[in-house]
PDB file of all heavy atoms in Angstrom:
ATOM      1  N   TYR A   1      92.151 -26.766  30.120  1.00  0.00           N
ATOM      2  CA  TYR A   1      92.737 -25.542  30.754  1.00  0.00           C
ATOM      3  C   TYR A   1      93.103 -25.924  32.232  1.00  0.00           C
ATOM      4  O   TYR A   1      93.353 -24.911  32.952  1.00  0.00           O
ATOM      5  CB  TYR A   1      91.730 -24.359  30.599  1.00  0.00           C
ATOM      6  CG  TYR A   1      91.275 -24.165  29.261  1.00  0.00           C
ATOM      7  CD1 TYR A   1      90.035 -24.516  28.854  1.00  0.00           C
ATOM      8  CD2 TYR A   1      92.134 -23.599  28.260  1.00  0.00           C
ATOM      9  CE1 TYR A   1      89.641 -24.360  27.458  1.00  0.00           C
ATOM     10  CE2 TYR A   1      91.730 -23.385  27.013  1.00  0.00           C
ATOM     11  CZ  TYR A   1      90.518 -23.802  26.581  1.00  0.00           C
ATOM     12  OH  TYR A   1      90.083 -23.643  25.346  1.00  0.00           O
ATOM     13  N   GLY A   2      93.249 -27.087  32.608  1.00  0.00           N
ATOM     14  CA  GLY A   2      93.686 -27.460  33.903  1.00  0.00           C
ATOM     15  C   GLY A   2      92.796 -27.044  35.065  1.00  0.00           C
ATOM     16  O   GLY A   2      93.126 -26.877  36.136  1.00  0.00           O
ATOM     17  N   GLY A   3      91.475 -26.845  34.679  1.00  0.00           N
ATOM     18  CA  GLY A   3      90.507 -26.439  35.708  1.00  0.00           C
ATOM     19  C   GLY A   3      90.222 -24.969  35.649  1.00  0.00           C
ATOM     20  O   GLY A   3      89.152 -24.609  36.303  1.00  0.00           O
ATOM     21  N   ARG A   4      90.904 -24.211  34.991  1.00  0.00           N
ATOM     22  CA  ARG A   4      90.563 -22.826  34.750  1.00  0.00           C
ATOM     23  C   ARG A   4      89.485 -22.699  33.697  1.00  0.00           C
ATOM     24  O   ARG A   4      89.267 -23.586  32.918  1.00  0.00           O
ATOM     25  CB  ARG A   4      91.800 -21.999  34.346  1.00  0.00           C
ATOM     26  CG  ARG A   4      92.777 -21.663  35.442  1.00  0.00           C
ATOM     27  CD  ARG A   4      92.361 -20.535  36.371  1.00  0.00           C
ATOM     28  NE  ARG A   4      92.284 -19.274  35.616  1.00  0.00           N
ATOM     29  CZ  ARG A   4      93.328 -18.481  35.362  1.00  0.00           C
ATOM     30  NH1 ARG A   4      94.554 -18.877  35.789  1.00  0.00           N
ATOM     31  NH2 ARG A   4      93.193 -17.353  34.730  1.00  0.00           N
ATOM     32  N   GLY A   5      88.789 -21.541  33.669  1.00  0.00           N
ATOM     33  CA  GLY A   5      87.705 -21.347  32.759  1.00  0.00           C
ATOM     34  C   GLY A   5      86.671 -22.330  33.061  1.00  0.00           C
ATOM     35  O   GLY A   5      86.073 -22.447  34.231  1.00  0.00           O
ATOM     36  N   ALA A   6      86.165 -23.129  32.141  1.00  0.00           N
ATOM     37  CA  ALA A   6      85.153 -24.077  32.247  1.00  0.00           C
ATOM     38  C   ALA A   6      85.357 -25.171  31.213  1.00  0.00           C
ATOM     39  O   ALA A   6      85.991 -25.022  30.282  1.00  0.00           O
ATOM     40  CB  ALA A   6      83.758 -23.423  32.237  1.00  0.00           C
ATOM     41  N   HIS A   7      84.645 -26.309  31.532  1.00  0.00           N
ATOM     42  CA  HIS A   7      84.534 -27.327  30.483  1.00  0.00           C
ATOM     43  C   HIS A   7      83.084 -27.860  30.421  1.00  0.00           C
ATOM     44  O   HIS A   7      82.449 -28.019  31.387  1.00  0.00           O
ATOM     45  CB  HIS A   7      85.494 -28.500  30.726  1.00  0.00           C
ATOM     46  CG  HIS A   7      85.332 -29.623  29.615  1.00  0.00           C
ATOM     47  ND1 HIS A   7      85.885 -29.369  28.468  1.00  0.00           N
ATOM     48  CD2 HIS A   7      84.701 -30.766  29.703  1.00  0.00           C
ATOM     49  CE1 HIS A   7      85.663 -30.461  27.707  1.00  0.00           C
ATOM     50  NE2 HIS A   7      84.863 -31.299  28.419  1.00  0.00           N
ATOM     51  N   GLY A   8      82.647 -28.025  29.191  1.00  0.00           N
ATOM     52  CA  GLY A   8      81.255 -28.542  28.975  1.00  0.00           C
ATOM     53  C   GLY A   8      81.345 -29.557  27.852  1.00  0.00           C
ATOM     54  O   GLY A   8      82.315 -29.842  27.216  1.00  0.00           O
ATOM     55  N   GLY A   9      80.137 -30.064  27.543  1.00  0.00           N
ATOM     56  CA  GLY A   9      80.094 -31.137  26.465  1.00  0.00           C
ATOM     57  C   GLY A   9      80.795 -32.425  26.908  1.00  0.00           C
ATOM     58  O   GLY A   9      80.834 -32.773  28.057  1.00  0.00           O
ATOM     59  N   GLY A  10      81.353 -33.059  25.935  1.00  0.00           N
ATOM     60  CA  GLY A  10      82.003 -34.333  26.212  1.00  0.00           C
ATOM     61  C   GLY A  10      83.457 -34.225  25.958  1.00  0.00           C
ATOM     62  O   GLY A  10      83.999 -33.150  25.764  1.00  0.00           O
ATOM     63  N   ALA A  11      84.150 -35.377  25.972  1.00  0.00           N
ATOM     64  CA  ALA A  11      85.603 -35.428  25.846  1.00  0.00           C
ATOM     65  C   ALA A  11      85.864 -35.320  24.322  1.00  0.00           C
ATOM     66  O   ALA A  11      84.970 -35.305  23.470  1.00  0.00           O
ATOM     67  CB  ALA A  11      86.108 -36.722  26.441  1.00  0.00           C
ATOM     68  N   PHE A  12      87.204 -35.389  23.949  1.00  0.00           N
ATOM     69  CA  PHE A  12      87.583 -35.062  22.521  1.00  0.00           C
ATOM     70  C   PHE A  12      87.989 -36.365  21.755  1.00  0.00           C
ATOM     71  O   PHE A  12      87.532 -36.608  20.632  1.00  0.00           O
ATOM     72  CB  PHE A  12      88.699 -34.060  22.517  1.00  0.00           C
ATOM     73  CG  PHE A  12      88.435 -32.773  23.085  1.00  0.00           C
ATOM     74  CD1 PHE A  12      89.419 -31.972  23.663  1.00  0.00           C
ATOM     75  CD2 PHE A  12      87.135 -32.204  23.085  1.00  0.00           C
ATOM     76  CE1 PHE A  12      89.107 -30.793  24.269  1.00  0.00           C
ATOM     77  CE2 PHE A  12      86.871 -31.012  23.674  1.00  0.00           C
ATOM     78  CZ  PHE A  12      87.887 -30.288  24.274  1.00  0.00           C
ATOM     79  N   SER A  13      88.947 -37.118  22.362  1.00  0.00           N
ATOM     80  CA  SER A  13      89.627 -38.138  21.608  1.00  0.00           C
ATOM     81  C   SER A  13      88.708 -39.229  20.988  1.00  0.00           C
ATOM     82  O   SER A  13      87.708 -39.609  21.700  1.00  0.00           O
ATOM     83  CB  SER A  13      90.704 -38.796  22.417  1.00  0.00           C
ATOM     84  OG  SER A  13      91.786 -37.887  22.629  1.00  0.00           O
ATOM     85  N   GLY A  14      88.963 -39.648  19.794  1.00  0.00           N
ATOM     86  CA  GLY A  14      88.152 -40.693  19.064  1.00  0.00           C
ATOM     87  C   GLY A  14      86.989 -40.106  18.404  1.00  0.00           C
ATOM     88  O   GLY A  14      86.234 -40.962  17.822  1.00  0.00           O
ATOM     89  N   LYS A  15      86.724 -38.859  18.467  1.00  0.00           N
ATOM     90  CA  LYS A  15      85.555 -38.288  17.805  1.00  0.00           C
ATOM     91  C   LYS A  15      85.922 -37.479  16.609  1.00  0.00           C
ATOM     92  O   LYS A  15      86.801 -36.697  16.571  1.00  0.00           O
ATOM     93  CB  LYS A  15      84.770 -37.340  18.819  1.00  0.00           C
ATOM     94  CG  LYS A  15      84.266 -38.042  20.005  1.00  0.00           C
ATOM     95  CD  LYS A  15      83.537 -37.031  20.913  1.00  0.00           C
ATOM     96  CE  LYS A  15      83.015 -37.780  22.132  1.00  0.00           C
ATOM     97  NZ  LYS A  15      82.373 -36.831  23.145  1.00  0.00           N
ATOM     98  N   ASP A  16      85.160 -37.720  15.502  1.00  0.00           N
ATOM     99  CA  ASP A  16      85.390 -36.930  14.217  1.00  0.00           C
ATOM    100  C   ASP A  16      84.823 -35.620  14.435  1.00  0.00           C
ATOM    101  O   ASP A  16      83.970 -35.352  15.451  1.00  0.00           O
ATOM    102  CB  ASP A  16      84.844 -37.641  12.999  1.00  0.00           C
ATOM    103  CG  ASP A  16      83.301 -37.606  12.969  1.00  0.00           C
ATOM    104  OD1 ASP A  16      82.652 -38.433  13.528  1.00  0.00           O
ATOM    105  OD2 ASP A  16      82.832 -36.623  12.429  1.00  0.00           O
ATOM    106  N   SER A  17      85.027 -34.711  13.593  1.00  0.00           N
ATOM    107  CA  SER A  17      84.680 -33.240  13.811  1.00  0.00           C
ATOM    108  C   SER A  17      83.254 -32.958  13.587  1.00  0.00           C
ATOM    109  O   SER A  17      82.858 -31.792  13.818  1.00  0.00           O
ATOM    110  CB  SER A  17      85.558 -32.385  12.916  1.00  0.00           C
ATOM    111  OG  SER A  17      85.481 -32.781  11.524  1.00  0.00           O
ATOM    112  N   SER A  18      82.365 -33.909  13.083  1.00  0.00           N
ATOM    113  CA  SER A  18      80.969 -33.643  13.156  1.00  0.00           C
ATOM    114  C   SER A  18      80.378 -33.558  14.554  1.00  0.00           C
ATOM    115  O   SER A  18      79.352 -32.949  14.808  1.00  0.00           O
ATOM    116  CB  SER A  18      80.141 -34.655  12.364  1.00  0.00           C
ATOM    117  OG  SER A  18      80.116 -35.975  13.014  1.00  0.00           O
ATOM    118  N   LYS A  19      81.179 -34.091  15.520  1.00  0.00           N
ATOM    119  CA  LYS A  19      80.723 -34.039  16.906  1.00  0.00           C
ATOM    120  C   LYS A  19      81.234 -32.620  17.449  1.00  0.00           C
ATOM    121  O   LYS A  19      82.477 -32.356  17.606  1.00  0.00           O
ATOM    122  CB  LYS A  19      81.424 -35.142  17.828  1.00  0.00           C
ATOM    123  CG  LYS A  19      80.801 -36.513  17.580  1.00  0.00           C
ATOM    124  CD  LYS A  19      81.032 -37.212  16.355  1.00  0.00           C
ATOM    125  CE  LYS A  19      80.568 -38.572  16.326  1.00  0.00           C
ATOM    126  NZ  LYS A  19      80.729 -39.176  15.036  1.00  0.00           N
ATOM    127  N   VAL A  20      80.339 -31.762  17.824  1.00  0.00           N
ATOM    128  CA  VAL A  20      80.668 -30.404  18.198  1.00  0.00           C
ATOM    129  C   VAL A  20      81.309 -30.397  19.591  1.00  0.00           C
ATOM    130  O   VAL A  20      81.932 -29.371  20.086  1.00  0.00           O
ATOM    131  CB  VAL A  20      79.398 -29.479  18.208  1.00  0.00           C
ATOM    132  CG1 VAL A  20      79.063 -29.032  16.844  1.00  0.00           C
ATOM    133  CG2 VAL A  20      78.226 -30.143  18.876  1.00  0.00           C
ATOM    134  N   ASP A  21      81.275 -31.529  20.323  1.00  0.00           N
ATOM    135  CA  ASP A  21      82.033 -31.650  21.546  1.00  0.00           C
ATOM    136  C   ASP A  21      83.512 -31.322  21.276  1.00  0.00           C
ATOM    137  O   ASP A  21      84.179 -30.599  22.121  1.00  0.00           O
ATOM    138  CB  ASP A  21      81.970 -33.192  22.027  1.00  0.00           C
ATOM    139  CG  ASP A  21      80.715 -33.613  22.587  1.00  0.00           C
ATOM    140  OD1 ASP A  21      79.889 -32.762  22.909  1.00  0.00           O
ATOM    141  OD2 ASP A  21      80.564 -34.845  22.756  1.00  0.00           O
ATOM    142  N   ARG A  22      83.959 -31.616  20.157  1.00  0.00           N
ATOM    143  CA  ARG A  22      85.335 -31.451  19.850  1.00  0.00           C
ATOM    144  C   ARG A  22      85.445 -30.176  18.903  1.00  0.00           C
ATOM    145  O   ARG A  22      86.222 -29.224  19.301  1.00  0.00           O
ATOM    146  CB  ARG A  22      85.898 -32.657  18.927  1.00  0.00           C
ATOM    147  CG  ARG A  22      87.405 -32.547  18.703  1.00  0.00           C
ATOM    148  CD  ARG A  22      88.028 -33.883  18.192  1.00  0.00           C
ATOM    149  NE  ARG A  22      89.323 -34.019  18.603  1.00  0.00           N
ATOM    150  CZ  ARG A  22      90.027 -35.170  18.673  1.00  0.00           C
ATOM    151  NH1 ARG A  22      89.396 -36.314  18.202  1.00  0.00           N
ATOM    152  NH2 ARG A  22      91.290 -35.221  19.018  1.00  0.00           N
ATOM    153  N   SER A  23      84.872 -30.154  17.755  1.00  0.00           N
ATOM    154  CA  SER A  23      85.059 -29.017  16.810  1.00  0.00           C
ATOM    155  C   SER A  23      84.614 -27.675  17.409  1.00  0.00           C
ATOM    156  O   SER A  23      85.314 -26.704  17.153  1.00  0.00           O
ATOM    157  CB  SER A  23      84.276 -29.361  15.536  1.00  0.00           C
ATOM    158  OG  SER A  23      83.019 -29.625  15.742  1.00  0.00           O
ATOM    159  N   ALA A  24      83.456 -27.575  18.093  1.00  0.00           N
ATOM    160  CA  ALA A  24      83.103 -26.305  18.620  1.00  0.00           C
ATOM    161  C   ALA A  24      83.972 -25.886  19.747  1.00  0.00           C
ATOM    162  O   ALA A  24      84.207 -24.688  20.004  1.00  0.00           O
ATOM    163  CB  ALA A  24      81.614 -26.410  19.073  1.00  0.00           C
ATOM    164  N   ALA A  25      84.580 -26.838  20.571  1.00  0.00           N
ATOM    165  CA  ALA A  25      85.436 -26.431  21.585  1.00  0.00           C
ATOM    166  C   ALA A  25      86.718 -25.867  21.026  1.00  0.00           C
ATOM    167  O   ALA A  25      87.280 -24.892  21.573  1.00  0.00           O
ATOM    168  CB  ALA A  25      85.830 -27.714  22.463  1.00  0.00           C
ATOM    169  N   TYR A  26      87.178 -26.371  19.834  1.00  0.00           N
ATOM    170  CA  TYR A  26      88.363 -25.818  19.160  1.00  0.00           C
ATOM    171  C   TYR A  26      87.969 -24.352  18.684  1.00  0.00           C
ATOM    172  O   TYR A  26      88.805 -23.479  18.762  1.00  0.00           O
ATOM    173  CB  TYR A  26      88.749 -26.714  18.003  1.00  0.00           C
ATOM    174  CG  TYR A  26      89.310 -28.084  18.330  1.00  0.00           C
ATOM    175  CD1 TYR A  26      89.650 -28.982  17.440  1.00  0.00           C
ATOM    176  CD2 TYR A  26      89.549 -28.382  19.702  1.00  0.00           C
ATOM    177  CE1 TYR A  26      90.242 -30.255  17.688  1.00  0.00           C
ATOM    178  CE2 TYR A  26      90.209 -29.656  20.048  1.00  0.00           C
ATOM    179  CZ  TYR A  26      90.425 -30.555  19.042  1.00  0.00           C
ATOM    180  OH  TYR A  26      91.039 -31.750  19.344  1.00  0.00           O
ATOM    181  N   ALA A  27      86.760 -24.263  18.150  1.00  0.00           N
ATOM    182  CA  ALA A  27      86.420 -22.901  17.600  1.00  0.00           C
ATOM    183  C   ALA A  27      86.263 -21.932  18.741  1.00  0.00           C
ATOM    184  O   ALA A  27      86.732 -20.796  18.579  1.00  0.00           O
ATOM    185  CB  ALA A  27      85.117 -22.986  16.887  1.00  0.00           C
ATOM    186  N   ALA A  28      85.813 -22.321  19.876  1.00  0.00           N
ATOM    187  CA  ALA A  28      85.672 -21.358  21.042  1.00  0.00           C
ATOM    188  C   ALA A  28      86.981 -21.056  21.590  1.00  0.00           C
ATOM    189  O   ALA A  28      87.231 -19.878  21.970  1.00  0.00           O
ATOM    190  CB  ALA A  28      84.880 -22.055  22.186  1.00  0.00           C
ATOM    191  N   ARG A  29      88.043 -21.856  21.562  1.00  0.00           N
ATOM    192  CA  ARG A  29      89.369 -21.576  21.958  1.00  0.00           C
ATOM    193  C   ARG A  29      89.993 -20.556  20.944  1.00  0.00           C
ATOM    194  O   ARG A  29      90.591 -19.596  21.368  1.00  0.00           O
ATOM    195  CB  ARG A  29      90.298 -22.847  22.059  1.00  0.00           C
ATOM    196  CG  ARG A  29      91.781 -22.603  21.969  1.00  0.00           C
ATOM    197  CD  ARG A  29      92.300 -21.852  23.101  1.00  0.00           C
ATOM    198  NE  ARG A  29      93.748 -21.729  23.058  1.00  0.00           N
ATOM    199  CZ  ARG A  29      94.533 -21.030  23.814  1.00  0.00           C
ATOM    200  NH1 ARG A  29      93.951 -20.235  24.837  1.00  0.00           N
ATOM    201  NH2 ARG A  29      95.820 -20.894  23.649  1.00  0.00           N
ATOM    202  N   HIS A  30      89.794 -20.766  19.693  1.00  0.00           N
ATOM    203  CA  HIS A  30      90.338 -19.837  18.660  1.00  0.00           C
ATOM    204  C   HIS A  30      89.716 -18.492  18.849  1.00  0.00           C
ATOM    205  O   HIS A  30      90.427 -17.463  18.844  1.00  0.00           O
ATOM    206  CB  HIS A  30      89.915 -20.366  17.309  1.00  0.00           C
ATOM    207  CG  HIS A  30      90.380 -19.551  16.188  1.00  0.00           C
ATOM    208  ND1 HIS A  30      89.540 -18.923  15.313  1.00  0.00           N
ATOM    209  CD2 HIS A  30      91.684 -19.256  15.769  1.00  0.00           C
ATOM    210  CE1 HIS A  30      90.217 -18.211  14.322  1.00  0.00           C
ATOM    211  NE2 HIS A  30      91.552 -18.394  14.622  1.00  0.00           N
ATOM    212  N   ILE A  31      88.447 -18.384  19.150  1.00  0.00           N
ATOM    213  CA  ILE A  31      87.863 -17.017  19.371  1.00  0.00           C
ATOM    214  C   ILE A  31      88.448 -16.424  20.624  1.00  0.00           C
ATOM    215  O   ILE A  31      88.855 -15.305  20.624  1.00  0.00           O
ATOM    216  CB  ILE A  31      86.369 -17.209  19.494  1.00  0.00           C
ATOM    217  CG1 ILE A  31      85.713 -17.694  18.141  1.00  0.00           C
ATOM    218  CG2 ILE A  31      85.677 -15.922  19.969  1.00  0.00           C
ATOM    219  CD1 ILE A  31      84.257 -18.121  18.330  1.00  0.00           C
ATOM    220  N   ALA A  32      88.418 -17.177  21.724  1.00  0.00           N
ATOM    221  CA  ALA A  32      88.970 -16.602  22.949  1.00  0.00           C
ATOM    222  C   ALA A  32      90.418 -16.220  22.887  1.00  0.00           C
ATOM    223  O   ALA A  32      90.759 -15.086  23.362  1.00  0.00           O
ATOM    224  CB  ALA A  32      88.840 -17.578  24.046  1.00  0.00           C
ATOM    225  N   LYS A  33      91.264 -16.970  22.241  1.00  0.00           N
ATOM    226  CA  LYS A  33      92.637 -16.659  22.149  1.00  0.00           C
ATOM    227  C   LYS A  33      92.846 -15.306  21.270  1.00  0.00           C
ATOM    228  O   LYS A  33      93.589 -14.477  21.664  1.00  0.00           O
ATOM    229  CB  LYS A  33      93.375 -17.818  21.471  1.00  0.00           C
ATOM    230  CG  LYS A  33      94.906 -17.583  21.305  1.00  0.00           C
ATOM    231  CD  LYS A  33      95.559 -18.803  20.799  1.00  0.00           C
ATOM    232  CE  LYS A  33      97.057 -18.604  20.757  1.00  0.00           C
ATOM    233  NZ  LYS A  33      97.866 -19.732  20.118  1.00  0.00           N
ATOM    234  N   ASN A  34      92.141 -15.277  20.187  1.00  0.00           N
ATOM    235  CA  ASN A  34      92.267 -14.065  19.260  1.00  0.00           C
ATOM    236  C   ASN A  34      91.661 -12.813  19.999  1.00  0.00           C
ATOM    237  O   ASN A  34      92.127 -11.749  19.815  1.00  0.00           O
ATOM    238  CB  ASN A  34      91.624 -14.359  17.981  1.00  0.00           C
ATOM    239  CG  ASN A  34      92.488 -15.065  17.038  1.00  0.00           C
ATOM    240  OD1 ASN A  34      93.206 -14.451  16.171  1.00  0.00           O
ATOM    241  ND2 ASN A  34      92.450 -16.383  17.103  1.00  0.00           N
ATOM    242  N   MET A  35      90.647 -13.009  20.825  1.00  0.00           N
ATOM    243  CA  MET A  35      90.079 -11.862  21.555  1.00  0.00           C
ATOM    244  C   MET A  35      91.099 -11.354  22.546  1.00  0.00           C
ATOM    245  O   MET A  35      91.171 -10.135  22.716  1.00  0.00           O
ATOM    246  CB  MET A  35      88.798 -12.322  22.293  1.00  0.00           C
ATOM    247  CG  MET A  35      87.672 -12.750  21.390  1.00  0.00           C
ATOM    248  SD  MET A  35      86.780 -11.371  20.625  1.00  0.00           S
ATOM    249  CE  MET A  35      85.722 -11.005  21.985  1.00  0.00           C
ATOM    250  N   VAL A  36      91.785 -12.181  23.304  1.00  0.00           N
ATOM    251  CA  VAL A  36      92.808 -11.679  24.279  1.00  0.00           C
ATOM    252  C   VAL A  36      93.993 -11.127  23.434  1.00  0.00           C
ATOM    253  O   VAL A  36      94.467 -10.000  23.905  1.00  0.00           O
ATOM    254  CB  VAL A  36      93.293 -12.891  25.069  1.00  0.00           C
ATOM    255  CG1 VAL A  36      94.483 -12.514  25.953  1.00  0.00           C
ATOM    256  CG2 VAL A  36      92.192 -13.401  26.006  1.00  0.00           C
ATOM    257  N   ALA A  37      94.437 -11.777  22.367  1.00  0.00           N
ATOM    258  CA  ALA A  37      95.505 -11.186  21.674  1.00  0.00           C
ATOM    259  C   ALA A  37      95.197  -9.824  21.030  1.00  0.00           C
ATOM    260  O   ALA A  37      96.074  -8.971  20.895  1.00  0.00           O
ATOM    261  CB  ALA A  37      95.906 -12.171  20.487  1.00  0.00           C
ATOM    262  N   ALA A  38      93.889  -9.669  20.758  1.00  0.00           N
ATOM    263  CA  ALA A  38      93.496  -8.253  20.116  1.00  0.00           C
ATOM    264  C   ALA A  38      93.290  -7.255  21.170  1.00  0.00           C
ATOM    265  O   ALA A  38      93.117  -6.016  20.898  1.00  0.00           O
ATOM    266  CB  ALA A  38      92.150  -8.516  19.368  1.00  0.00           C
ATOM    267  N   GLY A  39      93.331  -7.603  22.514  1.00  0.00           N
ATOM    268  CA  GLY A  39      93.261  -6.630  23.622  1.00  0.00           C
ATOM    269  C   GLY A  39      91.866  -6.298  24.045  1.00  0.00           C
ATOM    270  O   GLY A  39      91.621  -5.385  24.799  1.00  0.00           O
ATOM    271  N   VAL A  40      90.933  -7.219  23.658  1.00  0.00           N
ATOM    272  CA  VAL A  40      89.536  -6.982  24.206  1.00  0.00           C
ATOM    273  C   VAL A  40      89.456  -7.121  25.717  1.00  0.00           C
ATOM    274  O   VAL A  40      88.700  -6.429  26.416  1.00  0.00           O
ATOM    275  CB  VAL A  40      88.572  -8.001  23.439  1.00  0.00           C
ATOM    276  CG1 VAL A  40      87.133  -7.904  24.087  1.00  0.00           C
ATOM    277  CG2 VAL A  40      88.509  -7.749  21.952  1.00  0.00           C
ATOM    278  N   ALA A  41      90.150  -8.169  26.211  1.00  0.00           N
ATOM    279  CA  ALA A  41      90.267  -8.316  27.692  1.00  0.00           C
ATOM    280  C   ALA A  41      91.416  -9.150  28.044  1.00  0.00           C
ATOM    281  O   ALA A  41      92.057  -9.844  27.134  1.00  0.00           O
ATOM    282  CB  ALA A  41      88.917  -9.059  28.168  1.00  0.00           C
TER     283      ALA A  41
END
């Protein structure tokens, strides 16, 4: 996000999806995006 929001865990590239560094970051983005689109905030 270019420094907005926050970042945690590790980097993404080269990791299969059993590594939550990657898969859970994708899930968190999906949730946040749908929450904004739904008008929650």
